[in-house]
Amino acid sequence: NAGLLHRAFSVFLFRPSDGRLLLQKRADEKITFPGMWTNT
């Protein structure tokens, strides 16, 4: 809220044979956004 900003990355990995995207579901142990589906 005070404006602190940091650098990040998001990988989207697709299977070459059919172009399907690999998703992951974040573990319940995660401190931020636990149990949520997201990109690879």
PDB file of all heavy atoms in Angstrom:
ATOM      1  N   ASN A   1       0.824  -1.215   0.000  1.00  0.00           N
ATOM      2  CA  ASN A   1       0.000   0.000   0.000  1.00  0.00           C
ATOM      3  C   ASN A   1       0.854   1.260   0.000  1.00  0.00           C
ATOM      4  O   ASN A   1       0.402   2.328  -0.435  1.00  0.00           O
ATOM      5  CB  ASN A   1      -0.941   0.005   1.202  1.00  0.00           C
ATOM      6  CG  ASN A   1      -2.070  -0.995   1.060  1.00  0.00           C
ATOM      7  OD1 ASN A   1      -2.417  -1.406  -0.038  1.00  0.00           O
ATOM      8  ND2 ASN A   1      -2.636  -1.408   2.192  1.00  0.00           N
ATOM      9  N   ALA A   2       2.092   1.133   0.502  1.00  0.00           N
ATOM     10  CA  ALA A   2       3.020   2.268   0.486  1.00  0.00           C
ATOM     11  C   ALA A   2       3.775   2.371  -0.836  1.00  0.00           C
ATOM     12  O   ALA A   2       4.590   3.281  -1.019  1.00  0.00           O
ATOM     13  CB  ALA A   2       4.007   2.140   1.642  1.00  0.00           C
ATOM     14  N   GLY A   3       3.519   1.421  -1.771  1.00  0.00           N
ATOM     15  CA  GLY A   3       4.111   1.513  -3.096  1.00  0.00           C
ATOM     16  C   GLY A   3       5.227   0.538  -3.391  1.00  0.00           C
ATOM     17  O   GLY A   3       5.806   0.583  -4.488  1.00  0.00           O
ATOM     18  N   LEU A   4       5.559  -0.364  -2.460  1.00  0.00           N
ATOM     19  CA  LEU A   4       6.663  -1.295  -2.691  1.00  0.00           C
ATOM     20  C   LEU A   4       6.321  -2.242  -3.847  1.00  0.00           C
ATOM     21  O   LEU A   4       5.254  -2.857  -3.866  1.00  0.00           O
ATOM     22  CB  LEU A   4       6.963  -2.091  -1.423  1.00  0.00           C
ATOM     23  CG  LEU A   4       8.309  -2.830  -1.410  1.00  0.00           C
ATOM     24  CD1 LEU A   4       9.468  -1.829  -1.428  1.00  0.00           C
ATOM     25  CD2 LEU A   4       8.413  -3.720  -0.167  1.00  0.00           C
ATOM     26  N   LEU A   5       7.251  -2.347  -4.802  1.00  0.00           N
ATOM     27  CA  LEU A   5       7.027  -3.086  -6.050  1.00  0.00           C
ATOM     28  C   LEU A   5       8.253  -3.943  -6.312  1.00  0.00           C
ATOM     29  O   LEU A   5       9.390  -3.506  -6.106  1.00  0.00           O
ATOM     30  CB  LEU A   5       6.816  -2.073  -7.189  1.00  0.00           C
ATOM     31  CG  LEU A   5       6.615  -2.560  -8.618  1.00  0.00           C
ATOM     32  CD1 LEU A   5       5.327  -3.364  -8.754  1.00  0.00           C
ATOM     33  CD2 LEU A   5       6.580  -1.351  -9.566  1.00  0.00           C
ATOM     34  N   HIS A   6       8.046  -5.192  -6.763  1.00  0.00           N
ATOM     35  CA  HIS A   6       9.180  -6.067  -7.030  1.00  0.00           C
ATOM     36  C   HIS A   6       9.017  -6.774  -8.370  1.00  0.00           C
ATOM     37  O   HIS A   6       7.954  -6.783  -8.964  1.00  0.00           O
ATOM     38  CB  HIS A   6       9.372  -7.087  -5.894  1.00  0.00           C
ATOM     39  CG  HIS A   6       8.217  -8.019  -5.701  1.00  0.00           C
ATOM     40  ND1 HIS A   6       7.086  -7.669  -4.986  1.00  0.00           N
ATOM     41  CD2 HIS A   6       7.995  -9.285  -6.125  1.00  0.00           C
ATOM     42  CE1 HIS A   6       6.231  -8.683  -4.981  1.00  0.00           C
ATOM     43  NE2 HIS A   6       6.757  -9.683  -5.673  1.00  0.00           N
ATOM     44  N   ARG A   7      10.097  -7.384  -8.844  1.00  0.00           N
ATOM     45  CA  ARG A   7      10.129  -8.050 -10.151  1.00  0.00           C
ATOM     46  C   ARG A   7       9.702  -9.515  -9.993  1.00  0.00           C
ATOM     47  O   ARG A   7      10.014 -10.159  -8.985  1.00  0.00           O
ATOM     48  CB  ARG A   7      11.535  -7.943 -10.748  1.00  0.00           C
ATOM     49  CG  ARG A   7      11.672  -8.443 -12.178  1.00  0.00           C
ATOM     50  CD  ARG A   7      13.066  -8.136 -12.715  1.00  0.00           C
ATOM     51  NE  ARG A   7      13.239  -6.700 -12.950  1.00  0.00           N
ATOM     52  CZ  ARG A   7      14.423  -6.113 -13.100  1.00  0.00           C
ATOM     53  NH1 ARG A   7      15.530  -6.830 -13.018  1.00  0.00           N
ATOM     54  NH2 ARG A   7      14.487  -4.813 -13.333  1.00  0.00           N
ATOM     55  N   ALA A   8       9.006 -10.035 -11.005  1.00  0.00           N
ATOM     56  CA  ALA A   8       8.514 -11.411 -10.978  1.00  0.00           C
ATOM     57  C   ALA A   8       8.511 -11.970 -12.401  1.00  0.00           C
ATOM     58  O   ALA A   8       8.830 -11.269 -13.363  1.00  0.00           O
ATOM     59  CB  ALA A   8       7.111 -11.461 -10.378  1.00  0.00           C
ATOM     60  N   PHE A   9       8.164 -13.247 -12.521  1.00  0.00           N
ATOM     61  CA  PHE A   9       7.994 -13.850 -13.837  1.00  0.00           C
ATOM     62  C   PHE A   9       6.865 -14.867 -13.780  1.00  0.00           C
ATOM     63  O   PHE A   9       6.562 -15.435 -12.727  1.00  0.00           O
ATOM     64  CB  PHE A   9       9.288 -14.530 -14.323  1.00  0.00           C
ATOM     65  CG  PHE A   9       9.670 -15.749 -13.530  1.00  0.00           C
ATOM     66  CD1 PHE A   9       9.163 -17.002 -13.857  1.00  0.00           C
ATOM     67  CD2 PHE A   9      10.532 -15.655 -12.448  1.00  0.00           C
ATOM     68  CE1 PHE A   9       9.505 -18.136 -13.126  1.00  0.00           C
ATOM     69  CE2 PHE A   9      10.874 -16.772 -11.708  1.00  0.00           C
ATOM     70  CZ  PHE A   9      10.357 -18.021 -12.049  1.00  0.00           C
ATOM     71  N   SER A  10       6.245 -15.102 -14.928  1.00  0.00           N
ATOM     72  CA  SER A  10       5.211 -16.127 -15.069  1.00  0.00           C
ATOM     73  C   SER A  10       5.508 -16.953 -16.313  1.00  0.00           C
ATOM     74  O   SER A  10       5.580 -16.409 -17.415  1.00  0.00           O
ATOM     75  CB  SER A  10       3.818 -15.492 -15.187  1.00  0.00           C
ATOM     76  OG  SER A  10       3.380 -14.961 -13.949  1.00  0.00           O
ATOM     77  N   VAL A  11       5.688 -18.272 -16.116  1.00  0.00           N
ATOM     78  CA  VAL A  11       5.958 -19.192 -17.219  1.00  0.00           C
ATOM     79  C   VAL A  11       4.660 -19.874 -17.641  1.00  0.00           C
ATOM     80  O   VAL A  11       3.881 -20.332 -16.793  1.00  0.00           O
ATOM     81  CB  VAL A  11       6.996 -20.255 -16.813  1.00  0.00           C
ATOM     82  CG1 VAL A  11       7.122 -21.337 -17.887  1.00  0.00           C
ATOM     83  CG2 VAL A  11       8.347 -19.612 -16.546  1.00  0.00           C
ATOM     84  N   PHE A  12       4.456 -19.938 -18.950  1.00  0.00           N
ATOM     85  CA  PHE A  12       3.354 -20.693 -19.546  1.00  0.00           C
ATOM     86  C   PHE A  12       3.983 -21.771 -20.429  1.00  0.00           C
ATOM     87  O   PHE A  12       4.513 -21.460 -21.504  1.00  0.00           O
ATOM     88  CB  PHE A  12       2.453 -19.777 -20.375  1.00  0.00           C
ATOM     89  CG  PHE A  12       1.678 -18.784 -19.548  1.00  0.00           C
ATOM     90  CD1 PHE A  12       2.305 -17.683 -18.988  1.00  0.00           C
ATOM     91  CD2 PHE A  12       0.316 -18.962 -19.335  1.00  0.00           C
ATOM     92  CE1 PHE A  12       1.593 -16.761 -18.228  1.00  0.00           C
ATOM     93  CE2 PHE A  12      -0.407 -18.050 -18.569  1.00  0.00           C
ATOM     94  CZ  PHE A  12       0.232 -16.954 -18.008  1.00  0.00           C
ATOM     95  N   LEU A  13       3.949 -23.009 -19.956  1.00  0.00           N
ATOM     96  CA  LEU A  13       4.577 -24.121 -20.669  1.00  0.00           C
ATOM     97  C   LEU A  13       3.504 -24.922 -21.408  1.00  0.00           C
ATOM     98  O   LEU A  13       2.539 -25.387 -20.794  1.00  0.00           O
ATOM     99  CB  LEU A  13       5.346 -25.017 -19.697  1.00  0.00           C
ATOM    100  CG  LEU A  13       6.190 -26.140 -20.283  1.00  0.00           C
ATOM    101  CD1 LEU A  13       7.375 -26.460 -19.362  1.00  0.00           C
ATOM    102  CD2 LEU A  13       5.372 -27.426 -20.504  1.00  0.00           C
ATOM    103  N   PHE A  14       3.682 -25.067 -22.716  1.00  0.00           N
ATOM    104  CA  PHE A  14       2.742 -25.793 -23.566  1.00  0.00           C
ATOM    105  C   PHE A  14       3.392 -27.075 -24.075  1.00  0.00           C
ATOM    106  O   PHE A  14       4.606 -27.114 -24.324  1.00  0.00           O
ATOM    107  CB  PHE A  14       2.321 -24.937 -24.761  1.00  0.00           C
ATOM    108  CG  PHE A  14       1.638 -23.650 -24.398  1.00  0.00           C
ATOM    109  CD1 PHE A  14       2.376 -22.517 -24.074  1.00  0.00           C
ATOM    110  CD2 PHE A  14       0.255 -23.562 -24.390  1.00  0.00           C
ATOM    111  CE1 PHE A  14       1.750 -21.322 -23.744  1.00  0.00           C
ATOM    112  CE2 PHE A  14      -0.392 -22.375 -24.053  1.00  0.00           C
ATOM    113  CZ  PHE A  14       0.362 -21.256 -23.738  1.00  0.00           C
ATOM    114  N   ARG A  15       2.581 -28.094 -24.282  1.00  0.00           N
ATOM    115  CA  ARG A  15       3.074 -29.356 -24.833  1.00  0.00           C
ATOM    116  C   ARG A  15       3.184 -29.225 -26.354  1.00  0.00           C
ATOM    117  O   ARG A  15       2.208 -28.861 -27.019  1.00  0.00           O
ATOM    118  CB  ARG A  15       2.130 -30.492 -24.441  1.00  0.00           C
ATOM    119  CG  ARG A  15       2.693 -31.872 -24.645  1.00  0.00           C
ATOM    120  CD  ARG A  15       1.947 -32.907 -23.826  1.00  0.00           C
ATOM    121  NE  ARG A  15       0.500 -32.895 -24.063  1.00  0.00           N
ATOM    122  CZ  ARG A  15      -0.388 -33.539 -23.300  1.00  0.00           C
ATOM    123  NH1 ARG A  15       0.025 -34.220 -22.241  1.00  0.00           N
ATOM    124  NH2 ARG A  15      -1.668 -33.503 -23.595  1.00  0.00           N
ATOM    125  N   PRO A  16       4.349 -29.516 -26.926  1.00  0.00           N
ATOM    126  CA  PRO A  16       4.535 -29.305 -28.372  1.00  0.00           C
ATOM    127  C   PRO A  16       3.619 -30.156 -29.247  1.00  0.00           C
ATOM    128  O   PRO A  16       3.248 -29.728 -30.343  1.00  0.00           O
ATOM    129  CB  PRO A  16       6.004 -29.689 -28.600  1.00  0.00           C
ATOM    130  CG  PRO A  16       6.654 -29.561 -27.270  1.00  0.00           C
ATOM    131  CD  PRO A  16       5.597 -29.902 -26.261  1.00  0.00           C
ATOM    132  N   SER A  17       3.223 -31.328 -28.781  1.00  0.00           N
ATOM    133  CA  SER A  17       2.451 -32.232 -29.632  1.00  0.00           C
ATOM    134  C   SER A  17       1.030 -31.750 -29.875  1.00  0.00           C
ATOM    135  O   SER A  17       0.451 -31.993 -30.941  1.00  0.00           O
ATOM    136  CB  SER A  17       2.411 -33.637 -29.023  1.00  0.00           C
ATOM    137  OG  SER A  17       1.797 -33.600 -27.732  1.00  0.00           O
ATOM    138  N   ASP A  18       0.433 -31.046 -28.891  1.00  0.00           N
ATOM    139  CA  ASP A  18      -0.970 -30.649 -29.028  1.00  0.00           C
ATOM    140  C   ASP A  18      -1.267 -29.233 -28.549  1.00  0.00           C
ATOM    141  O   ASP A  18      -2.414 -28.788 -28.603  1.00  0.00           O
ATOM    142  CB  ASP A  18      -1.886 -31.633 -28.296  1.00  0.00           C
ATOM    143  CG  ASP A  18      -1.539 -31.799 -26.818  1.00  0.00           C
ATOM    144  OD1 ASP A  18      -0.764 -30.977 -26.287  1.00  0.00           O
ATOM    145  OD2 ASP A  18      -2.026 -32.761 -26.192  1.00  0.00           O
ATOM    146  N   GLY A  19      -0.265 -28.501 -28.064  1.00  0.00           N
ATOM    147  CA  GLY A  19      -0.468 -27.120 -27.644  1.00  0.00           C
ATOM    148  C   GLY A  19      -1.242 -26.954 -26.356  1.00  0.00           C
ATOM    149  O   GLY A  19      -1.737 -25.855 -26.062  1.00  0.00           O
ATOM    150  N   ARG A  20      -1.351 -28.016 -25.546  1.00  0.00           N
ATOM    151  CA  ARG A  20      -2.028 -27.886 -24.253  1.00  0.00           C
ATOM    152  C   ARG A  20      -1.128 -27.188 -23.249  1.00  0.00           C
ATOM    153  O   ARG A  20       0.084 -27.375 -23.249  1.00  0.00           O
ATOM    154  CB  ARG A  20      -2.439 -29.258 -23.716  1.00  0.00           C
ATOM    155  CG  ARG A  20      -3.631 -29.869 -24.441  1.00  0.00           C
ATOM    156  CD  ARG A  20      -3.902 -31.296 -23.982  1.00  0.00           C
ATOM    157  NE  ARG A  20      -5.143 -31.789 -24.573  1.00  0.00           N
ATOM    158  CZ  ARG A  20      -6.294 -31.888 -23.926  1.00  0.00           C
ATOM    159  NH1 ARG A  20      -6.360 -31.540 -22.646  1.00  0.00           N
ATOM    160  NH2 ARG A  20      -7.373 -32.335 -24.530  1.00  0.00           N
ATOM    161  N   LEU A  21      -1.759 -26.393 -22.391  1.00  0.00           N
ATOM    162  CA  LEU A  21      -1.054 -25.602 -21.380  1.00  0.00           C
ATOM    163  C   LEU A  21      -0.980 -26.359 -20.070  1.00  0.00           C
ATOM    164  O   LEU A  21      -1.985 -26.915 -19.606  1.00  0.00           O
ATOM    165  CB  LEU A  21      -1.785 -24.271 -21.174  1.00  0.00           C
ATOM    166  CG  LEU A  21      -1.334 -23.384 -20.008  1.00  0.00           C
ATOM    167  CD1 LEU A  21       0.101 -22.923 -20.182  1.00  0.00           C
ATOM    168  CD2 LEU A  21      -2.279 -22.186 -19.872  1.00  0.00           C
ATOM    169  N   LEU A  22       0.191 -26.365 -19.452  1.00  0.00           N
ATOM    170  CA  LEU A  22       0.375 -26.996 -18.150  1.00  0.00           C
ATOM    171  C   LEU A  22      -0.001 -26.012 -17.042  1.00  0.00           C
ATOM    172  O   LEU A  22       0.609 -24.952 -16.906  1.00  0.00           O
ATOM    173  CB  LEU A  22       1.827 -27.442 -17.973  1.00  0.00           C
ATOM    174  CG  LEU A  22       2.178 -28.102 -16.638  1.00  0.00           C
ATOM    175  CD1 LEU A  22       1.375 -29.391 -16.415  1.00  0.00           C
ATOM    176  CD2 LEU A  22       3.685 -28.387 -16.564  1.00  0.00           C
ATOM    177  N   LEU A  23      -1.026 -26.366 -16.271  1.00  0.00           N
ATOM    178  CA  LEU A  23      -1.433 -25.593 -15.099  1.00  0.00           C
ATOM    179  C   LEU A  23      -0.914 -26.263 -13.834  1.00  0.00           C
ATOM    180  O   LEU A  23      -0.709 -27.476 -13.803  1.00  0.00           O
ATOM    181  CB  LEU A  23      -2.962 -25.513 -14.999  1.00  0.00           C
ATOM    182  CG  LEU A  23      -3.750 -24.941 -16.153  1.00  0.00           C
ATOM    183  CD1 LEU A  23      -5.234 -24.901 -15.791  1.00  0.00           C
ATOM    184  CD2 LEU A  23      -3.258 -23.551 -16.536  1.00  0.00           C
ATOM    185  N   GLN A  24      -0.755 -25.478 -12.798  1.00  0.00           N
ATOM    186  CA  GLN A  24      -0.483 -26.031 -11.475  1.00  0.00           C
ATOM    187  C   GLN A  24      -1.499 -25.474 -10.479  1.00  0.00           C
ATOM    188  O   GLN A  24      -2.028 -24.378 -10.654  1.00  0.00           O
ATOM    189  CB  GLN A  24       0.922 -25.710 -10.991  1.00  0.00           C
ATOM    190  CG  GLN A  24       1.217 -24.246 -10.712  1.00  0.00           C
ATOM    191  CD  GLN A  24       2.294 -24.035  -9.647  1.00  0.00           C
ATOM    192  OE1 GLN A  24       2.007 -24.117  -8.450  1.00  0.00           O
ATOM    193  NE2 GLN A  24       3.515 -23.751 -10.104  1.00  0.00           N
ATOM    194  N   LYS A  25      -1.750 -26.268  -9.438  1.00  0.00           N
ATOM    195  CA  LYS A  25      -2.567 -25.823  -8.315  1.00  0.00           C
ATOM    196  C   LYS A  25      -1.634 -25.608  -7.136  1.00  0.00           C
ATOM    197  O   LYS A  25      -0.931 -26.529  -6.712  1.00  0.00           O
ATOM    198  CB  LYS A  25      -3.648 -26.849  -7.967  1.00  0.00           C
ATOM    199  CG  LYS A  25      -4.654 -26.349  -6.941  1.00  0.00           C
ATOM    200  CD  LYS A  25      -5.766 -27.373  -6.724  1.00  0.00           C
ATOM    201  CE  LYS A  25      -6.841 -26.807  -5.804  1.00  0.00           C
ATOM    202  NZ  LYS A  25      -7.929 -27.805  -5.572  1.00  0.00           N
ATOM    203  N   ARG A  26      -1.629 -24.399  -6.624  1.00  0.00           N
ATOM    204  CA  ARG A  26      -0.719 -24.057  -5.532  1.00  0.00           C
ATOM    205  C   ARG A  26      -1.063 -24.857  -4.270  1.00  0.00           C
ATOM    206  O   ARG A  26      -2.239 -25.040  -3.937  1.00  0.00           O
ATOM    207  CB  ARG A  26      -0.782 -22.552  -5.244  1.00  0.00           C
ATOM    208  CG  ARG A  26      -0.199 -21.717  -6.377  1.00  0.00           C
ATOM    209  CD  ARG A  26      -0.574 -20.259  -6.260  1.00  0.00           C
ATOM    210  NE  ARG A  26       0.019 -19.598  -5.100  1.00  0.00           N
ATOM    211  CZ  ARG A  26       1.221 -19.050  -5.081  1.00  0.00           C
ATOM    212  NH1 ARG A  26       1.986 -19.089  -6.175  1.00  0.00           N
ATOM    213  NH2 ARG A  26       1.678 -18.435  -4.008  1.00  0.00           N
ATOM    214  N   ALA A  27      -0.035 -25.309  -3.586  1.00  0.00           N
ATOM    215  CA  ALA A  27      -0.229 -26.131  -2.391  1.00  0.00           C
ATOM    216  C   ALA A  27      -0.921 -25.328  -1.292  1.00  0.00           C
ATOM    217  O   ALA A  27      -0.799 -24.101  -1.215  1.00  0.00           O
ATOM    218  CB  ALA A  27       1.122 -26.651  -1.893  1.00  0.00           C
ATOM    219  N   ASP A  28      -1.618 -26.019  -0.427  1.00  0.00           N
ATOM    220  CA  ASP A  28      -2.274 -25.365   0.709  1.00  0.00           C
ATOM    221  C   ASP A  28      -1.254 -24.776   1.674  1.00  0.00           C
ATOM    222  O   ASP A  28      -1.592 -23.899   2.473  1.00  0.00           O
ATOM    223  CB  ASP A  28      -3.168 -26.361   1.449  1.00  0.00           C
ATOM    224  CG  ASP A  28      -4.396 -26.743   0.633  1.00  0.00           C
ATOM    225  OD1 ASP A  28      -4.773 -25.978  -0.283  1.00  0.00           O
ATOM    226  OD2 ASP A  28      -4.974 -27.822   0.901  1.00  0.00           O
ATOM    227  N   GLU A  29      -0.005 -25.252   1.608  1.00  0.00           N
ATOM    228  CA  GLU A  29       1.046 -24.727   2.478  1.00  0.00           C
ATOM    229  C   GLU A  29       1.509 -23.325   2.071  1.00  0.00           C
ATOM    230  O   GLU A  29       2.158 -22.635   2.880  1.00  0.00           O
ATOM    231  CB  GLU A  29       2.262 -25.671   2.464  1.00  0.00           C
ATOM    232  CG  GLU A  29       2.061 -26.972   3.215  1.00  0.00           C
ATOM    233  CD  GLU A  29       1.338 -28.031   2.397  1.00  0.00           C
ATOM    234  OE1 GLU A  29       0.937 -27.729   1.239  1.00  0.00           O
ATOM    235  OE2 GLU A  29       1.183 -29.155   2.895  1.00  0.00           O
ATOM    236  N   LYS A  30       1.193 -22.902   0.862  1.00  0.00           N
ATOM    237  CA  LYS A  30       1.652 -21.590   0.397  1.00  0.00           C
ATOM    238  C   LYS A  30       1.060 -20.488   1.272  1.00  0.00           C
ATOM    239  O   LYS A  30      -0.108 -20.550   1.676  1.00  0.00           O
ATOM    240  CB  LYS A  30       1.235 -21.368  -1.057  1.00  0.00           C
ATOM    241  CG  LYS A  30       1.814 -22.387  -2.031  1.00  0.00           C
ATOM    242  CD  LYS A  30       3.295 -22.205  -2.265  1.00  0.00           C
ATOM    243  CE  LYS A  30       3.586 -21.048  -3.170  1.00  0.00           C
ATOM    244  NZ  LYS A  30       5.046 -20.986  -3.530  1.00  0.00           N
ATOM    245  N   ILE A  31       1.847 -19.453   1.536  1.00  0.00           N
ATOM    246  CA  ILE A  31       1.400 -18.359   2.391  1.00  0.00           C
ATOM    247  C   ILE A  31       0.487 -17.403   1.623  1.00  0.00           C
ATOM    248  O   ILE A  31      -0.497 -16.905   2.163  1.00  0.00           O
ATOM    249  CB  ILE A  31       2.620 -17.634   3.000  1.00  0.00           C
ATOM    250  CG1 ILE A  31       3.339 -18.590   3.966  1.00  0.00           C
ATOM    251  CG2 ILE A  31       2.198 -16.353   3.721  1.00  0.00           C
ATOM    252  CD1 ILE A  31       4.667 -18.081   4.485  1.00  0.00           C
ATOM    253  N   THR A  32       0.803 -17.163   0.362  1.00  0.00           N
ATOM    254  CA  THR A  32      -0.046 -16.320  -0.475  1.00  0.00           C
ATOM    255  C   THR A  32      -0.780 -17.173  -1.510  1.00  0.00           C
ATOM    256  O   THR A  32      -0.200 -18.061  -2.114  1.00  0.00           O
ATOM    257  CB  THR A  32       0.781 -15.240  -1.200  1.00  0.00           C
ATOM    258  OG1 THR A  32       1.793 -15.867  -1.990  1.00  0.00           O
ATOM    259  CG2 THR A  32       1.438 -14.297  -0.196  1.00  0.00           C
ATOM    260  N   PHE A  33      -2.055 -16.916  -1.658  1.00  0.00           N
ATOM    261  CA  PHE A  33      -2.903 -17.566  -2.656  1.00  0.00           C
ATOM    262  C   PHE A  33      -2.824 -19.097  -2.617  1.00  0.00           C
ATOM    263  O   PHE A  33      -2.625 -19.744  -3.651  1.00  0.00           O
ATOM    264  CB  PHE A  33      -2.564 -17.030  -4.057  1.00  0.00           C
ATOM    265  CG  PHE A  33      -2.588 -15.536  -4.145  1.00  0.00           C
ATOM    266  CD1 PHE A  33      -1.412 -14.803  -4.109  1.00  0.00           C
ATOM    267  CD2 PHE A  33      -3.796 -14.857  -4.223  1.00  0.00           C
ATOM    268  CE1 PHE A  33      -1.433 -13.419  -4.169  1.00  0.00           C
ATOM    269  CE2 PHE A  33      -3.825 -13.464  -4.282  1.00  0.00           C
ATOM    270  CZ  PHE A  33      -2.641 -12.747  -4.252  1.00  0.00           C
ATOM    271  N   PRO A  34      -2.983 -19.691  -1.427  1.00  0.00           N
ATOM    272  CA  PRO A  34      -2.933 -21.158  -1.336  1.00  0.00           C
ATOM    273  C   PRO A  34      -4.131 -21.810  -2.023  1.00  0.00           C
ATOM    274  O   PRO A  34      -5.222 -21.240  -2.084  1.00  0.00           O
ATOM    275  CB  PRO A  34      -2.966 -21.400   0.176  1.00  0.00           C
ATOM    276  CG  PRO A  34      -3.689 -20.216   0.739  1.00  0.00           C
ATOM    277  CD  PRO A  34      -3.270 -19.055  -0.128  1.00  0.00           C
ATOM    278  N   GLY A  35      -3.903 -23.006  -2.559  1.00  0.00           N
ATOM    279  CA  GLY A  35      -4.984 -23.810  -3.109  1.00  0.00           C
ATOM    280  C   GLY A  35      -5.594 -23.275  -4.385  1.00  0.00           C
ATOM    281  O   GLY A  35      -6.685 -23.710  -4.770  1.00  0.00           O
ATOM    282  N   MET A  36      -4.926 -22.372  -5.067  1.00  0.00           N
ATOM    283  CA  MET A  36      -5.482 -21.770  -6.279  1.00  0.00           C
ATOM    284  C   MET A  36      -4.784 -22.303  -7.526  1.00  0.00           C
ATOM    285  O   MET A  36      -3.573 -22.541  -7.534  1.00  0.00           O
ATOM    286  CB  MET A  36      -5.343 -20.242  -6.243  1.00  0.00           C
ATOM    287  CG  MET A  36      -6.173 -19.568  -5.177  1.00  0.00           C
ATOM    288  SD  MET A  36      -6.105 -17.762  -5.355  1.00  0.00           S
ATOM    289  CE  MET A  36      -7.151 -17.273  -3.978  1.00  0.00           C
ATOM    290  N   TRP A  37      -5.557 -22.464  -8.614  1.00  0.00           N
ATOM    291  CA  TRP A  37      -4.996 -22.810  -9.911  1.00  0.00           C
ATOM    292  C   TRP A  37      -4.294 -21.603 -10.509  1.00  0.00           C
ATOM    293  O   TRP A  37      -4.727 -20.460 -10.309  1.00  0.00           O
ATOM    294  CB  TRP A  37      -6.084 -23.291 -10.859  1.00  0.00           C
ATOM    295  CG  TRP A  37      -6.582 -24.666 -10.556  1.00  0.00           C
ATOM    296  CD1 TRP A  37      -7.734 -25.003  -9.907  1.00  0.00           C
ATOM    297  CD2 TRP A  37      -5.944 -25.903 -10.902  1.00  0.00           C
ATOM    298  NE1 TRP A  37      -7.849 -26.368  -9.811  1.00  0.00           N
ATOM    299  CE2 TRP A  37      -6.774 -26.948 -10.423  1.00  0.00           C
ATOM    300  CE3 TRP A  37      -4.768 -26.227 -11.576  1.00  0.00           C
ATOM    301  CZ2 TRP A  37      -6.439 -28.290 -10.592  1.00  0.00           C
ATOM    302  CZ3 TRP A  37      -4.436 -27.558 -11.743  1.00  0.00           C
ATOM    303  CH2 TRP A  37      -5.259 -28.577 -11.263  1.00  0.00           C
ATOM    304  N   THR A  38      -3.218 -21.881 -11.253  1.00  0.00           N
ATOM    305  CA  THR A  38      -2.474 -20.792 -11.882  1.00  0.00           C
ATOM    306  C   THR A  38      -1.692 -21.336 -13.062  1.00  0.00           C
ATOM    307  O   THR A  38      -1.790 -22.523 -13.401  1.00  0.00           O
ATOM    308  CB  THR A  38      -1.564 -20.097 -10.845  1.00  0.00           C
ATOM    309  OG1 THR A  38      -1.103 -18.850 -11.364  1.00  0.00           O
ATOM    310  CG2 THR A  38      -0.393 -20.977 -10.436  1.00  0.00           C
ATOM    311  N   ASN A  39      -0.934 -20.465 -13.705  1.00  0.00           N
ATOM    312  CA  ASN A  39      -0.108 -20.886 -14.830  1.00  0.00           C
ATOM    313  C   ASN A  39       1.017 -21.804 -14.363  1.00  0.00           C
ATOM    314  O   ASN A  39       1.162 -22.077 -13.169  1.00  0.00           O
ATOM    315  CB  ASN A  39       0.434 -19.667 -15.581  1.00  0.00           C
ATOM    316  CG  ASN A  39       1.138 -18.690 -14.663  1.00  0.00           C
ATOM    317  OD1 ASN A  39       0.476 -17.979 -13.887  1.00  0.00           O
ATOM    318  ND2 ASN A  39       2.450 -18.648 -14.714  1.00  0.00           N
ATOM    319  N   THR A  40       1.827 -22.267 -15.279  1.00  0.00           N
ATOM    320  CA  THR A  40       2.789 -23.341 -15.007  1.00  0.00           C
ATOM    321  C   THR A  40       3.693 -23.036 -13.825  1.00  0.00           C
ATOM    322  O   THR A  40       3.917 -23.884 -12.955  1.00  0.00           O
ATOM    323  CB  THR A  40       3.649 -23.600 -16.252  1.00  0.00           C
ATOM    324  OG1 THR A  40       2.807 -23.722 -17.402  1.00  0.00           O
ATOM    325  CG2 THR A  40       4.481 -24.856 -16.073  1.00  0.00           C
TER     326      THR A  40
END
